[in-house]
Amino acid sequence: MDIKFLLKQYITFFYGLFLTNESSKEG
């Protein structure tokens, strides 16, 4: 199991959620 790969997947996923929340706040 590649920890770095999983970590990257998690970061990308949560960062995407964060960006979605930020954009919905403004609009």
PDB file of N, CA and C in Angstrom:
ATOM      1  N   MET A   1       0.849  -1.204   0.000  1.00  0.00           N
ATOM      2  CA  MET A   1       0.000   0.000   0.000  1.00  0.00           C
ATOM      3  C   MET A   1       0.882   1.249   0.000  1.00  0.00           C
ATOM      4  N   ASP A   2       0.612   2.143  -0.935  1.00  0.00           N
ATOM      5  CA  ASP A   2       1.443   3.342  -1.050  1.00  0.00           C
ATOM      6  C   ASP A   2       0.817   4.492  -0.258  1.00  0.00           C
ATOM      7  N   ILE A   3       1.437   4.798   0.884  1.00  0.00           N
ATOM      8  CA  ILE A   3       0.915   5.856   1.756  1.00  0.00           C
ATOM      9  C   ILE A   3       0.912   7.209   1.049  1.00  0.00           C
ATOM     10  N   LYS A   4       1.992   7.510   0.346  1.00  0.00           N
ATOM     11  CA  LYS A   4       2.083   8.819  -0.315  1.00  0.00           C
ATOM     12  C   LYS A   4       0.975   9.000  -1.338  1.00  0.00           C
ATOM     13  N   PHE A   5       0.660   7.919  -2.060  1.00  0.00           N
ATOM     14  CA  PHE A   5      -0.405   7.993  -3.056  1.00  0.00           C
ATOM     15  C   PHE A   5      -1.752   8.245  -2.376  1.00  0.00           C
ATOM     16  N   LEU A   6      -2.018   7.497  -1.296  1.00  0.00           N
ATOM     17  CA  LEU A   6      -3.274   7.673  -0.566  1.00  0.00           C
ATOM     18  C   LEU A   6      -3.369   9.084  -0.004  1.00  0.00           C
ATOM     19  N   LEU A   7      -2.261   9.578   0.544  1.00  0.00           N
ATOM     20  CA  LEU A   7      -2.236  10.916   1.124  1.00  0.00           C
ATOM     21  C   LEU A   7      -2.568  11.951   0.054  1.00  0.00           C
ATOM     22  N   LYS A   8      -1.989  11.760  -1.129  1.00  0.00           N
ATOM     23  CA  LYS A   8      -2.247  12.695  -2.230  1.00  0.00           C
ATOM     24  C   LYS A   8      -3.715  12.670  -2.614  1.00  0.00           C
ATOM     25  N   GLN A   9      -4.308  11.469  -2.624  1.00  0.00           N
ATOM     26  CA  GLN A   9      -5.717  11.335  -2.969  1.00  0.00           C
ATOM     27  C   GLN A   9      -6.599  12.064  -1.952  1.00  0.00           C
ATOM     28  N   TYR A  10      -6.273  11.880  -0.661  1.00  0.00           N
ATOM     29  CA  TYR A  10      -7.043  12.535   0.394  1.00  0.00           C
ATOM     30  C   TYR A  10      -6.934  14.044   0.288  1.00  0.00           C
ATOM     31  N   ILE A  11      -5.716  14.543   0.109  1.00  0.00           N
ATOM     32  CA  ILE A  11      -5.486  15.987   0.029  1.00  0.00           C
ATOM     33  C   ILE A  11      -6.253  16.579  -1.149  1.00  0.00           C
ATOM     34  N   THR A  12      -6.195  15.897  -2.292  1.00  0.00           N
ATOM     35  CA  THR A  12      -6.902  16.393  -3.478  1.00  0.00           C
ATOM     36  C   THR A  12      -8.403  16.423  -3.226  1.00  0.00           C
ATOM     37  N   PHE A  13      -8.915  15.374  -2.583  1.00  0.00           N
ATOM     38  CA  PHE A  13     -10.343  15.268  -2.308  1.00  0.00           C
ATOM     39  C   PHE A  13     -10.816  16.378  -1.368  1.00  0.00           C
ATOM     40  N   PHE A  14     -10.100  16.539  -0.238  1.00  0.00           N
ATOM     41  CA  PHE A  14     -10.509  17.544   0.738  1.00  0.00           C
ATOM     42  C   PHE A  14     -10.299  18.957   0.217  1.00  0.00           C
ATOM     43  N   TYR A  15      -9.234  19.157  -0.577  1.00  0.00           N
ATOM     44  CA  TYR A  15      -8.991  20.476  -1.151  1.00  0.00           C
ATOM     45  C   TYR A  15     -10.118  20.833  -2.115  1.00  0.00           C
ATOM     46  N   GLY A  16     -10.592  19.834  -2.846  1.00  0.00           N
ATOM     47  CA  GLY A  16     -11.709  20.054  -3.765  1.00  0.00           C
ATOM     48  C   GLY A  16     -12.968  20.448  -2.997  1.00  0.00           C
ATOM     49  N   LEU A  17     -13.217  19.767  -1.879  1.00  0.00           N
ATOM     50  CA  LEU A  17     -14.376  20.104  -1.055  1.00  0.00           C
ATOM     51  C   LEU A  17     -14.249  21.525  -0.520  1.00  0.00           C
ATOM     52  N   PHE A  18     -13.043  21.883  -0.084  1.00  0.00           N
ATOM     53  CA  PHE A  18     -12.791  23.214   0.457  1.00  0.00           C
ATOM     54  C   PHE A  18     -13.073  24.282  -0.598  1.00  0.00           C
ATOM     55  N   LEU A  19     -12.573  24.057  -1.821  1.00  0.00           N
ATOM     56  CA  LEU A  19     -12.790  25.025  -2.900  1.00  0.00           C
ATOM     57  C   LEU A  19     -14.273  25.149  -3.217  1.00  0.00           C
ATOM     58  N   THR A  20     -14.991  24.014  -3.197  1.00  0.00           N
ATOM     59  CA  THR A  20     -16.421  24.037  -3.492  1.00  0.00           C
ATOM     60  C   THR A  20     -17.165  24.849  -2.434  1.00  0.00           C
ATOM     61  N   ASN A  21     -16.788  24.673  -1.166  1.00  0.00           N
ATOM     62  CA  ASN A  21     -17.435  25.413  -0.086  1.00  0.00           C
ATOM     63  C   ASN A  21     -17.158  26.901  -0.211  1.00  0.00           C
ATOM     64  N   GLU A  22     -15.920  27.255  -0.545  1.00  0.00           N
ATOM     65  CA  GLU A  22     -15.545  28.658  -0.674  1.00  0.00           C
ATOM     66  C   GLU A  22     -16.321  29.323  -1.803  1.00  0.00           C
ATOM     67  N   SER A  23     -16.467  28.631  -2.931  1.00  0.00           N
ATOM     68  CA  SER A  23     -17.169  29.243  -4.061  1.00  0.00           C
ATOM     69  C   SER A  23     -18.656  29.391  -3.770  1.00  0.00           C
ATOM     70  N   SER A  24     -19.233  28.436  -3.052  1.00  0.00           N
ATOM     71  CA  SER A  24     -20.661  28.521  -2.769  1.00  0.00           C
ATOM     72  C   SER A  24     -20.933  29.651  -1.775  1.00  0.00           C
ATOM     73  N   LYS A  25     -19.951  29.987  -0.937  1.00  0.00           N
ATOM     74  CA  LYS A  25     -20.114  31.099   0.002  1.00  0.00           C
ATOM     75  C   LYS A  25     -20.234  32.420  -0.766  1.00  0.00           C
ATOM     76  N   GLU A  26     -19.370  32.593  -1.773  1.00  0.00           N
ATOM     77  CA  GLU A  26     -19.334  33.860  -2.497  1.00  0.00           C
ATOM     78  C   GLU A  26     -20.556  34.019  -3.390  1.00  0.00           C
ATOM     79  N   GLY A  27     -21.011  32.930  -4.003  1.00  0.00           N
ATOM     80  CA  GLY A  27     -22.120  33.042  -4.931  1.00  0.00           C
ATOM     81  C   GLY A  27     -23.377  32.666  -4.249  1.00  0.00           C
TER      82      GLY A  27
END
